[in-house]
Amino acid sequence: MQFDSTTINMLVKGIWETIYMVFLSSALSYVIGIPLGIA
């Protein structure tokens, strides 16, 4: 199975968006959740 450059670019973009969402939402969740748990 062969992939063209458009498919590879879409895959790389999707992976980057997933990493961006996971890390940023995790960091913000910890920033909010840790003080609430301590409280």
Full PDB file with SEQRES, HELIX, SHEET, SSBOND, CRYST1, ORIGX, SCALE, CONECT and MASTER records, all heavy atoms in Angstrom:
SEQRES   1 A   39  MET GLN PHE ASP SER THR THR ILE ASN MET LEU VAL LYS          
SEQRES   2 A   39  GLY ILE TRP GLU THR ILE TYR MET VAL PHE LEU SER SER          
SEQRES   3 A   39  ALA LEU SER TYR VAL ILE GLY ILE PRO LEU GLY ILE ALA          
HELIX    1 AA1 SER A    5  ILE A   38  1                                  34    
CRYST1    1.000    1.000    1.000  90.00  90.00  90.00 P 1           1          
ORIGX1      1.000000  0.000000  0.000000        0.00000                         
ORIGX2      0.000000  1.000000  0.000000        0.00000                         
ORIGX3      0.000000  0.000000  1.000000        0.00000                         
SCALE1      1.000000  0.000000  0.000000        0.00000                         
SCALE2      0.000000  1.000000  0.000000        0.00000                         
SCALE3      0.000000  0.000000  1.000000        0.00000                         
ATOM      1  N   MET A   1       0.840  -1.172   0.000  1.00  0.00           N  
ATOM      2  CA  MET A   1       0.000   0.000   0.000  1.00  0.00           C  
ATOM      3  C   MET A   1       0.887   1.236   0.000  1.00  0.00           C  
ATOM      4  O   MET A   1       1.778   1.373   0.819  1.00  0.00           O  
ATOM      5  CB  MET A   1      -0.885  -0.049   1.238  1.00  0.00           C  
ATOM      6  CG  MET A   1      -1.859   1.058   1.334  1.00  0.00           C  
ATOM      7  SD  MET A   1      -2.940   0.714   2.743  1.00  0.00           S  
ATOM      8  CE  MET A   1      -4.240   1.799   2.383  1.00  0.00           C  
ATOM      9  N   GLN A   2       0.609   2.130  -0.905  1.00  0.00           N  
ATOM     10  CA  GLN A   2       1.413   3.340  -1.070  1.00  0.00           C  
ATOM     11  C   GLN A   2       0.659   4.548  -0.548  1.00  0.00           C  
ATOM     12  O   GLN A   2      -0.553   4.647  -0.702  1.00  0.00           O  
ATOM     13  CB  GLN A   2       1.730   3.539  -2.549  1.00  0.00           C  
ATOM     14  CG  GLN A   2       2.471   2.387  -3.144  1.00  0.00           C  
ATOM     15  CD  GLN A   2       3.821   2.806  -3.629  1.00  0.00           C  
ATOM     16  OE1 GLN A   2       4.080   3.975  -3.770  1.00  0.00           O  
ATOM     17  NE2 GLN A   2       4.681   1.843  -3.877  1.00  0.00           N  
ATOM     18  N   PHE A   3       1.379   5.464   0.110  1.00  0.00           N  
ATOM     19  CA  PHE A   3       0.785   6.690   0.614  1.00  0.00           C  
ATOM     20  C   PHE A   3       1.359   7.861  -0.151  1.00  0.00           C  
ATOM     21  O   PHE A   3       2.566   7.948  -0.358  1.00  0.00           O  
ATOM     22  CB  PHE A   3       1.084   6.871   2.108  1.00  0.00           C  
ATOM     23  CG  PHE A   3       0.456   5.815   2.971  1.00  0.00           C  
ATOM     24  CD1 PHE A   3       1.232   4.835   3.563  1.00  0.00           C  
ATOM     25  CD2 PHE A   3      -0.903   5.804   3.188  1.00  0.00           C  
ATOM     26  CE1 PHE A   3       0.662   3.870   4.369  1.00  0.00           C  
ATOM     27  CE2 PHE A   3      -1.486   4.842   3.995  1.00  0.00           C  
ATOM     28  CZ  PHE A   3      -0.709   3.867   4.584  1.00  0.00           C  
ATOM     29  N   ASP A   4       0.486   8.772  -0.541  1.00  0.00           N  
ATOM     30  CA  ASP A   4       0.985   9.984  -1.193  1.00  0.00           C  
ATOM     31  C   ASP A   4       1.310  11.026  -0.128  1.00  0.00           C  
ATOM     32  O   ASP A   4       1.036  10.856   1.054  1.00  0.00           O  
ATOM     33  CB  ASP A   4      -0.021  10.518  -2.217  1.00  0.00           C  
ATOM     34  CG  ASP A   4      -1.369  10.866  -1.592  1.00  0.00           C  
ATOM     35  OD1 ASP A   4      -1.598  10.516  -0.425  1.00  0.00           O  
ATOM     36  OD2 ASP A   4      -2.175  11.502  -2.293  1.00  0.00           O  
ATOM     37  N   SER A   5       1.912  12.130  -0.543  1.00  0.00           N  
ATOM     38  CA  SER A   5       2.370  13.144   0.412  1.00  0.00           C  
ATOM     39  C   SER A   5       1.202  13.811   1.140  1.00  0.00           C  
ATOM     40  O   SER A   5       1.345  14.203   2.304  1.00  0.00           O  
ATOM     41  CB  SER A   5       3.220  14.195  -0.294  1.00  0.00           C  
ATOM     42  OG  SER A   5       2.458  14.883  -1.261  1.00  0.00           O  
ATOM     43  N   THR A   6       0.058  13.917   0.504  1.00  0.00           N  
ATOM     44  CA  THR A   6      -1.106  14.524   1.156  1.00  0.00           C  
ATOM     45  C   THR A   6      -1.565  13.679   2.339  1.00  0.00           C  
ATOM     46  O   THR A   6      -1.866  14.201   3.415  1.00  0.00           O  
ATOM     47  CB  THR A   6      -2.263  14.684   0.150  1.00  0.00           C  
ATOM     48  OG1 THR A   6      -1.806  15.417  -0.980  1.00  0.00           O  
ATOM     49  CG2 THR A   6      -3.433  15.403   0.787  1.00  0.00           C  
ATOM     50  N   THR A   7      -1.609  12.384   2.163  1.00  0.00           N  
ATOM     51  CA  THR A   7      -2.017  11.478   3.228  1.00  0.00           C  
ATOM     52  C   THR A   7      -1.035  11.532   4.387  1.00  0.00           C  
ATOM     53  O   THR A   7      -1.439  11.584   5.552  1.00  0.00           O  
ATOM     54  CB  THR A   7      -2.120  10.040   2.702  1.00  0.00           C  
ATOM     55  OG1 THR A   7      -2.983  10.019   1.570  1.00  0.00           O  
ATOM     56  CG2 THR A   7      -2.643   9.112   3.773  1.00  0.00           C  
ATOM     57  N   ILE A   8       0.244  11.540   4.087  1.00  0.00           N  
ATOM     58  CA  ILE A   8       1.263  11.607   5.129  1.00  0.00           C  
ATOM     59  C   ILE A   8       1.177  12.935   5.870  1.00  0.00           C  
ATOM     60  O   ILE A   8       1.259  12.980   7.103  1.00  0.00           O  
ATOM     61  CB  ILE A   8       2.664  11.371   4.536  1.00  0.00           C  
ATOM     62  CG1 ILE A   8       2.760   9.929   4.032  1.00  0.00           C  
ATOM     63  CG2 ILE A   8       3.750  11.664   5.569  1.00  0.00           C  
ATOM     64  CD1 ILE A   8       4.000   9.616   3.265  1.00  0.00           C  
ATOM     65  N   ASN A   9       0.969  14.039   5.139  1.00  0.00           N  
ATOM     66  CA  ASN A   9       0.832  15.352   5.780  1.00  0.00           C  
ATOM     67  C   ASN A   9      -0.387  15.399   6.696  1.00  0.00           C  
ATOM     68  O   ASN A   9      -0.331  15.966   7.787  1.00  0.00           O  
ATOM     69  CB  ASN A   9       0.743  16.454   4.734  1.00  0.00           C  
ATOM     70  CG  ASN A   9       2.053  16.691   4.031  1.00  0.00           C  
ATOM     71  OD1 ASN A   9       3.110  16.322   4.538  1.00  0.00           O  
ATOM     72  ND2 ASN A   9       1.995  17.298   2.859  1.00  0.00           N  
ATOM     73  N   MET A  10      -1.504  14.807   6.264  1.00  0.00           N  
ATOM     74  CA  MET A  10      -2.710  14.767   7.094  1.00  0.00           C  
ATOM     75  C   MET A  10      -2.469  13.928   8.352  1.00  0.00           C  
ATOM     76  O   MET A  10      -2.932  14.283   9.446  1.00  0.00           O  
ATOM     77  CB  MET A  10      -3.890  14.217   6.301  1.00  0.00           C  
ATOM     78  CG  MET A  10      -4.431  15.180   5.273  1.00  0.00           C  
ATOM     79  SD  MET A  10      -5.736  14.503   4.235  1.00  0.00           S  
ATOM     80  CE  MET A  10      -6.870  13.855   5.413  1.00  0.00           C  
ATOM     81  N   LEU A  11      -1.751  12.829   8.206  1.00  0.00           N  
ATOM     82  CA  LEU A  11      -1.447  11.971   9.342  1.00  0.00           C  
ATOM     83  C   LEU A  11      -0.560  12.698  10.352  1.00  0.00           C  
ATOM     84  O   LEU A  11      -0.822  12.668  11.561  1.00  0.00           O  
ATOM     85  CB  LEU A  11      -0.763  10.683   8.870  1.00  0.00           C  
ATOM     86  CG  LEU A  11      -0.410   9.663   9.934  1.00  0.00           C  
ATOM     87  CD1 LEU A  11      -1.669   9.138  10.615  1.00  0.00           C  
ATOM     88  CD2 LEU A  11       0.390   8.533   9.339  1.00  0.00           C  
ATOM     89  N   VAL A  12       0.470  13.366   9.875  1.00  0.00           N  
ATOM     90  CA  VAL A  12       1.366  14.113  10.758  1.00  0.00           C  
ATOM     91  C   VAL A  12       0.605  15.236  11.455  1.00  0.00           C  
ATOM     92  O   VAL A  12       0.761  15.464  12.662  1.00  0.00           O  
ATOM     93  CB  VAL A  12       2.574  14.665   9.971  1.00  0.00           C  
ATOM     94  CG1 VAL A  12       3.370  15.656  10.799  1.00  0.00           C  
ATOM     95  CG2 VAL A  12       3.462  13.527   9.495  1.00  0.00           C  
ATOM     96  N   LYS A  13      -0.268  15.931  10.731  1.00  0.00           N  
ATOM     97  CA  LYS A  13      -1.065  17.009  11.317  1.00  0.00           C  
ATOM     98  C   LYS A  13      -1.996  16.454  12.392  1.00  0.00           C  
ATOM     99  O   LYS A  13      -2.139  17.046  13.473  1.00  0.00           O  
ATOM    100  CB  LYS A  13      -1.881  17.723  10.242  1.00  0.00           C  
ATOM    101  CG  LYS A  13      -2.694  18.866  10.773  1.00  0.00           C  
ATOM    102  CD  LYS A  13      -3.523  19.535   9.691  1.00  0.00           C  
ATOM    103  CE  LYS A  13      -4.361  20.637  10.313  1.00  0.00           C  
ATOM    104  NZ  LYS A  13      -5.509  20.974   9.528  1.00  0.00           N  
ATOM    105  N   GLY A  14      -2.630  15.327  12.134  1.00  0.00           N  
ATOM    106  CA  GLY A  14      -3.519  14.705  13.116  1.00  0.00           C  
ATOM    107  C   GLY A  14      -2.795  14.261  14.365  1.00  0.00           C  
ATOM    108  O   GLY A  14      -3.293  14.429  15.486  1.00  0.00           O  
ATOM    109  N   ILE A  15      -1.604  13.709  14.198  1.00  0.00           N  
ATOM    110  CA  ILE A  15      -0.803  13.295  15.348  1.00  0.00           C  
ATOM    111  C   ILE A  15      -0.403  14.514  16.178  1.00  0.00           C  
ATOM    112  O   ILE A  15      -0.491  14.502  17.406  1.00  0.00           O  
ATOM    113  CB  ILE A  15       0.431  12.489  14.899  1.00  0.00           C  
ATOM    114  CG1 ILE A  15      -0.010  11.133  14.339  1.00  0.00           C  
ATOM    115  CG2 ILE A  15       1.430  12.315  16.041  1.00  0.00           C  
ATOM    116  CD1 ILE A  15       1.103  10.356  13.660  1.00  0.00           C  
ATOM    117  N   TRP A  16       0.025  15.579  15.511  1.00  0.00           N  
ATOM    118  CA  TRP A  16       0.412  16.800  16.223  1.00  0.00           C  
ATOM    119  C   TRP A  16      -0.779  17.376  16.986  1.00  0.00           C  
ATOM    120  O   TRP A  16      -0.646  17.786  18.145  1.00  0.00           O  
ATOM    121  CB  TRP A  16       0.978  17.835  15.266  1.00  0.00           C  
ATOM    122  CG  TRP A  16       1.049  19.189  15.900  1.00  0.00           C  
ATOM    123  CD1 TRP A  16       0.337  20.295  15.568  1.00  0.00           C  
ATOM    124  CD2 TRP A  16       1.843  19.576  17.025  1.00  0.00           C  
ATOM    125  NE1 TRP A  16       0.634  21.336  16.403  1.00  0.00           N  
ATOM    126  CE2 TRP A  16       1.559  20.922  17.307  1.00  0.00           C  
ATOM    127  CE3 TRP A  16       2.759  18.907  17.822  1.00  0.00           C  
ATOM    128  CZ2 TRP A  16       2.167  21.617  18.349  1.00  0.00           C  
ATOM    129  CZ3 TRP A  16       3.362  19.608  18.871  1.00  0.00           C  
ATOM    130  CH2 TRP A  16       3.063  20.936  19.117  1.00  0.00           C  
ATOM    131  N   GLU A  17      -1.966  17.433  16.362  1.00  0.00           N  
ATOM    132  CA  GLU A  17      -3.154  17.973  17.029  1.00  0.00           C  
ATOM    133  C   GLU A  17      -3.519  17.136  18.249  1.00  0.00           C  
ATOM    134  O   GLU A  17      -3.917  17.679  19.290  1.00  0.00           O  
ATOM    135  CB  GLU A  17      -4.327  18.038  16.058  1.00  0.00           C  
ATOM    136  CG  GLU A  17      -4.185  19.122  15.015  1.00  0.00           C  
ATOM    137  CD  GLU A  17      -5.297  19.105  13.977  1.00  0.00           C  
ATOM    138  OE1 GLU A  17      -6.085  18.133  13.936  1.00  0.00           O  
ATOM    139  OE2 GLU A  17      -5.374  20.072  13.207  1.00  0.00           O  
ATOM    140  N   THR A  18      -3.382  15.829  18.144  1.00  0.00           N  
ATOM    141  CA  THR A  18      -3.677  14.948  19.276  1.00  0.00           C  
ATOM    142  C   THR A  18      -2.709  15.193  20.429  1.00  0.00           C  
ATOM    143  O   THR A  18      -3.120  15.309  21.589  1.00  0.00           O  
ATOM    144  CB  THR A  18      -3.623  13.475  18.837  1.00  0.00           C  
ATOM    145  OG1 THR A  18      -4.550  13.269  17.779  1.00  0.00           O  
ATOM    146  CG2 THR A  18      -3.943  12.545  19.989  1.00  0.00           C  
ATOM    147  N   ILE A  19      -1.430  15.270  20.122  1.00  0.00           N  
ATOM    148  CA  ILE A  19      -0.420  15.535  21.154  1.00  0.00           C  
ATOM    149  C   ILE A  19      -0.679  16.895  21.804  1.00  0.00           C  
ATOM    150  O   ILE A  19      -0.630  17.027  23.036  1.00  0.00           O  
ATOM    151  CB  ILE A  19       0.997  15.458  20.556  1.00  0.00           C  
ATOM    152  CG1 ILE A  19       1.319  14.015  20.175  1.00  0.00           C  
ATOM    153  CG2 ILE A  19       2.045  16.018  21.514  1.00  0.00           C  
ATOM    154  CD1 ILE A  19       2.585  13.853  19.368  1.00  0.00           C  
ATOM    155  N   TYR A  20      -0.995  17.898  21.006  1.00  0.00           N  
ATOM    156  CA  TYR A  20      -1.289  19.249  21.493  1.00  0.00           C  
ATOM    157  C   TYR A  20      -2.473  19.227  22.461  1.00  0.00           C  
ATOM    158  O   TYR A  20      -2.396  19.772  23.566  1.00  0.00           O  
ATOM    159  CB  TYR A  20      -1.558  20.151  20.283  1.00  0.00           C  
ATOM    160  CG  TYR A  20      -2.154  21.497  20.590  1.00  0.00           C  
ATOM    161  CD1 TYR A  20      -1.412  22.488  21.224  1.00  0.00           C  
ATOM    162  CD2 TYR A  20      -3.458  21.799  20.204  1.00  0.00           C  
ATOM    163  CE1 TYR A  20      -1.948  23.731  21.479  1.00  0.00           C  
ATOM    164  CE2 TYR A  20      -4.005  23.036  20.455  1.00  0.00           C  
ATOM    165  CZ  TYR A  20      -3.249  24.002  21.093  1.00  0.00           C  
ATOM    166  OH  TYR A  20      -3.798  25.230  21.343  1.00  0.00           O  
ATOM    167  N   MET A  21      -3.562  18.562  22.076  1.00  0.00           N  
ATOM    168  CA  MET A  21      -4.753  18.512  22.925  1.00  0.00           C  
ATOM    169  C   MET A  21      -4.485  17.751  24.218  1.00  0.00           C  
ATOM    170  O   MET A  21      -4.888  18.192  25.299  1.00  0.00           O  
ATOM    171  CB  MET A  21      -5.921  17.852  22.187  1.00  0.00           C  
ATOM    172  CG  MET A  21      -6.556  18.718  21.150  1.00  0.00           C  
ATOM    173  SD  MET A  21      -8.077  18.023  20.474  1.00  0.00           S  
ATOM    174  CE  MET A  21      -7.540  16.466  19.829  1.00  0.00           C  
ATOM    175  N   VAL A  22      -3.810  16.632  24.123  1.00  0.00           N  
ATOM    176  CA  VAL A  22      -3.570  15.802  25.311  1.00  0.00           C  
ATOM    177  C   VAL A  22      -2.669  16.517  26.310  1.00  0.00           C  
ATOM    178  O   VAL A  22      -2.984  16.586  27.506  1.00  0.00           O  
ATOM    179  CB  VAL A  22      -2.973  14.435  24.909  1.00  0.00           C  
ATOM    180  CG1 VAL A  22      -2.444  13.693  26.131  1.00  0.00           C  
ATOM    181  CG2 VAL A  22      -4.007  13.603  24.185  1.00  0.00           C  
ATOM    182  N   PHE A  23      -1.549  17.060  25.846  1.00  0.00           N  
ATOM    183  CA  PHE A  23      -0.619  17.680  26.779  1.00  0.00           C  
ATOM    184  C   PHE A  23      -1.154  18.971  27.371  1.00  0.00           C  
ATOM    185  O   PHE A  23      -1.033  19.207  28.575  1.00  0.00           O  
ATOM    186  CB  PHE A  23       0.751  17.903  26.121  1.00  0.00           C  
ATOM    187  CG  PHE A  23       1.571  16.660  26.041  1.00  0.00           C  
ATOM    188  CD1 PHE A  23       1.821  16.052  24.829  1.00  0.00           C  
ATOM    189  CD2 PHE A  23       2.085  16.080  27.191  1.00  0.00           C  
ATOM    190  CE1 PHE A  23       2.558  14.886  24.755  1.00  0.00           C  
ATOM    191  CE2 PHE A  23       2.835  14.917  27.135  1.00  0.00           C  
ATOM    192  CZ  PHE A  23       3.071  14.323  25.912  1.00  0.00           C  
ATOM    193  N   LEU A  24      -1.775  19.824  26.562  1.00  0.00           N  
ATOM    194  CA  LEU A  24      -2.291  21.085  27.092  1.00  0.00           C  
ATOM    195  C   LEU A  24      -3.468  20.851  28.034  1.00  0.00           C  
ATOM    196  O   LEU A  24      -3.534  21.454  29.114  1.00  0.00           O  
ATOM    197  CB  LEU A  24      -2.691  22.021  25.947  1.00  0.00           C  
ATOM    198  CG  LEU A  24      -2.972  23.461  26.351  1.00  0.00           C  
ATOM    199  CD1 LEU A  24      -1.775  24.071  27.066  1.00  0.00           C  
ATOM    200  CD2 LEU A  24      -3.324  24.281  25.129  1.00  0.00           C  
ATOM    201  N   SER A  25      -4.381  19.962  27.662  1.00  0.00           N  
ATOM    202  CA  SER A  25      -5.524  19.704  28.544  1.00  0.00           C  
ATOM    203  C   SER A  25      -5.069  19.008  29.827  1.00  0.00           C  
ATOM    204  O   SER A  25      -5.607  19.288  30.906  1.00  0.00           O  
ATOM    205  CB  SER A  25      -6.598  18.889  27.834  1.00  0.00           C  
ATOM    206  OG  SER A  25      -6.116  17.627  27.452  1.00  0.00           O  
ATOM    207  N   SER A  26      -4.074  18.134  29.743  1.00  0.00           N  
ATOM    208  CA  SER A  26      -3.545  17.497  30.950  1.00  0.00           C  
ATOM    209  C   SER A  26      -2.898  18.522  31.877  1.00  0.00           C  
ATOM    210  O   SER A  26      -3.143  18.519  33.091  1.00  0.00           O  
ATOM    211  CB  SER A  26      -2.517  16.426  30.600  1.00  0.00           C  
ATOM    212  OG  SER A  26      -3.116  15.385  29.887  1.00  0.00           O  
ATOM    213  N   ALA A  27      -2.087  19.400  31.318  1.00  0.00           N  
ATOM    214  CA  ALA A  27      -1.412  20.417  32.129  1.00  0.00           C  
ATOM    215  C   ALA A  27      -2.431  21.329  32.810  1.00  0.00           C  
ATOM    216  O   ALA A  27      -2.320  21.604  34.014  1.00  0.00           O  
ATOM    217  CB  ALA A  27      -0.463  21.237  31.261  1.00  0.00           C  
ATOM    218  N   LEU A  28      -3.427  21.788  32.071  1.00  0.00           N  
ATOM    219  CA  LEU A  28      -4.442  22.659  32.665  1.00  0.00           C  
ATOM    220  C   LEU A  28      -5.290  21.929  33.697  1.00  0.00           C  
ATOM    221  O   LEU A  28      -5.694  22.510  34.709  1.00  0.00           O  
ATOM    222  CB  LEU A  28      -5.318  23.262  31.567  1.00  0.00           C  
ATOM    223  CG  LEU A  28      -4.622  24.264  30.641  1.00  0.00           C  
ATOM    224  CD1 LEU A  28      -5.533  24.664  29.497  1.00  0.00           C  
ATOM    225  CD2 LEU A  28      -4.153  25.475  31.413  1.00  0.00           C  
ATOM    226  N   SER A  29      -5.551  20.655  33.466  1.00  0.00           N  
ATOM    227  CA  SER A  29      -6.308  19.859  34.439  1.00  0.00           C  
ATOM    228  C   SER A  29      -5.537  19.724  35.739  1.00  0.00           C  
ATOM    229  O   SER A  29      -6.121  19.793  36.828  1.00  0.00           O  
ATOM    230  CB  SER A  29      -6.616  18.481  33.872  1.00  0.00           C  
ATOM    231  OG  SER A  29      -7.459  18.587  32.761  1.00  0.00           O  
ATOM    232  N   TYR A  30      -4.234  19.539  35.658  1.00  0.00           N  
ATOM    233  CA  TYR A  30      -3.413  19.467  36.864  1.00  0.00           C  
ATOM    234  C   TYR A  30      -3.350  20.821  37.573  1.00  0.00           C  
ATOM    235  O   TYR A  30      -3.382  20.876  38.801  1.00  0.00           O  
ATOM    236  CB  TYR A  30      -2.003  18.968  36.553  1.00  0.00           C  
ATOM    237  CG  TYR A  30      -1.949  17.486  36.305  1.00  0.00           C  
ATOM    238  CD1 TYR A  30      -1.569  16.978  35.078  1.00  0.00           C  
ATOM    239  CD2 TYR A  30      -2.280  16.596  37.315  1.00  0.00           C  
ATOM    240  CE1 TYR A  30      -1.531  15.613  34.846  1.00  0.00           C  
ATOM    241  CE2 TYR A  30      -2.240  15.229  37.111  1.00  0.00           C  
ATOM    242  CZ  TYR A  30      -1.867  14.744  35.870  1.00  0.00           C  
ATOM    243  OH  TYR A  30      -1.839  13.392  35.664  1.00  0.00           O  
ATOM    244  N   VAL A  31      -3.263  21.892  36.810  1.00  0.00           N  
ATOM    245  CA  VAL A  31      -3.212  23.231  37.405  1.00  0.00           C  
ATOM    246  C   VAL A  31      -4.486  23.524  38.191  1.00  0.00           C  
ATOM    247  O   VAL A  31      -4.447  24.158  39.244  1.00  0.00           O  
ATOM    248  CB  VAL A  31      -2.973  24.304  36.308  1.00  0.00           C  
ATOM    249  CG1 VAL A  31      -3.255  25.700  36.813  1.00  0.00           C  
ATOM    250  CG2 VAL A  31      -1.552  24.207  35.775  1.00  0.00           C  
ATOM    251  N   ILE A  32      -5.623  23.057  37.708  1.00  0.00           N  
ATOM    252  CA  ILE A  32      -6.894  23.281  38.398  1.00  0.00           C  
ATOM    253  C   ILE A  32      -7.137  22.199  39.450  1.00  0.00           C  
ATOM    254  O   ILE A  32      -7.588  22.484  40.564  1.00  0.00           O  
ATOM    255  CB  ILE A  32      -8.057  23.321  37.386  1.00  0.00           C  
ATOM    256  CG1 ILE A  32      -7.891  24.514  36.452  1.00  0.00           C  
ATOM    257  CG2 ILE A  32      -9.407  23.395  38.105  1.00  0.00           C  
ATOM    258  CD1 ILE A  32      -8.836  24.508  35.262  1.00  0.00           C  
ATOM    259  N   GLY A  33      -6.859  20.948  39.127  1.00  0.00           N  
ATOM    260  CA  GLY A  33      -7.200  19.829  39.997  1.00  0.00           C  
ATOM    261  C   GLY A  33      -6.363  19.703  41.245  1.00  0.00           C  
ATOM    262  O   GLY A  33      -6.877  19.350  42.312  1.00  0.00           O  
ATOM    263  N   ILE A  34      -5.075  19.989  41.159  1.00  0.00           N  
ATOM    264  CA  ILE A  34      -4.205  19.843  42.328  1.00  0.00           C  
ATOM    265  C   ILE A  34      -4.614  20.794  43.461  1.00  0.00           C  
ATOM    266  O   ILE A  34      -4.778  20.357  44.598  1.00  0.00           O  
ATOM    267  CB  ILE A  34      -2.713  19.988  41.939  1.00  0.00           C  
ATOM    268  CG1 ILE A  34      -2.275  18.760  41.136  1.00  0.00           C  
ATOM    269  CG2 ILE A  34      -1.829  20.175  43.175  1.00  0.00           C  
ATOM    270  CD1 ILE A  34      -0.878  18.847  40.560  1.00  0.00           C  
ATOM    271  N   PRO A  35      -4.816  22.093  43.191  1.00  0.00           N  
ATOM    272  CA  PRO A  35      -5.264  22.966  44.289  1.00  0.00           C  
ATOM    273  C   PRO A  35      -6.635  22.569  44.855  1.00  0.00           C  
ATOM    274  O   PRO A  35      -6.854  22.670  46.067  1.00  0.00           O  
ATOM    275  CB  PRO A  35      -5.332  24.358  43.658  1.00  0.00           C  
ATOM    276  CG  PRO A  35      -4.448  24.288  42.476  1.00  0.00           C  
ATOM    277  CD  PRO A  35      -4.504  22.878  41.995  1.00  0.00           C  
ATOM    278  N   LEU A  36      -7.539  22.095  43.990  1.00  0.00           N  
ATOM    279  CA  LEU A  36      -8.844  21.669  44.490  1.00  0.00           C  
ATOM    280  C   LEU A  36      -8.720  20.428  45.365  1.00  0.00           C  
ATOM    281  O   LEU A  36      -9.396  20.322  46.396  1.00  0.00           O  
ATOM    282  CB  LEU A  36      -9.799  21.405  43.327  1.00  0.00           C  
ATOM    283  CG  LEU A  36     -10.280  22.642  42.565  1.00  0.00           C  
ATOM    284  CD1 LEU A  36     -11.181  22.233  41.406  1.00  0.00           C  
ATOM    285  CD2 LEU A  36     -11.002  23.597  43.488  1.00  0.00           C  
ATOM    286  N   GLY A  37      -7.886  19.493  44.973  1.00  0.00           N  
ATOM    287  CA  GLY A  37      -7.658  18.306  45.798  1.00  0.00           C  
ATOM    288  C   GLY A  37      -7.039  18.658  47.135  1.00  0.00           C  
ATOM    289  O   GLY A  37      -7.424  18.112  48.175  1.00  0.00           O  
ATOM    290  N   ILE A  38      -6.088  19.575  47.130  1.00  0.00           N  
ATOM    291  CA  ILE A  38      -5.474  20.026  48.380  1.00  0.00           C  
ATOM    292  C   ILE A  38      -6.516  20.725  49.249  1.00  0.00           C  
ATOM    293  O   ILE A  38      -6.573  20.520  50.465  1.00  0.00           O  
ATOM    294  CB  ILE A  38      -4.264  20.934  48.096  1.00  0.00           C  
ATOM    295  CG1 ILE A  38      -3.138  20.113  47.456  1.00  0.00           C  
ATOM    296  CG2 ILE A  38      -3.780  21.631  49.361  1.00  0.00           C  
ATOM    297  CD1 ILE A  38      -1.989  20.921  46.920  1.00  0.00           C  
ATOM    298  N   ALA A  39      -7.367  21.542  48.616  1.00  0.00           N  
ATOM    299  CA  ALA A  39      -8.430  22.229  49.364  1.00  0.00           C  
ATOM    300  C   ALA A  39      -9.393  21.226  49.991  1.00  0.00           C  
ATOM    301  O   ALA A  39      -9.865  21.430  51.119  1.00  0.00           O  
ATOM    302  CB  ALA A  39      -9.181  23.190  48.450  1.00  0.00           C  
TER     303      ALA A  39                                                      
MASTER        0    0    0    1    0    0    0    6  302    1    0    3          
END                                                                             
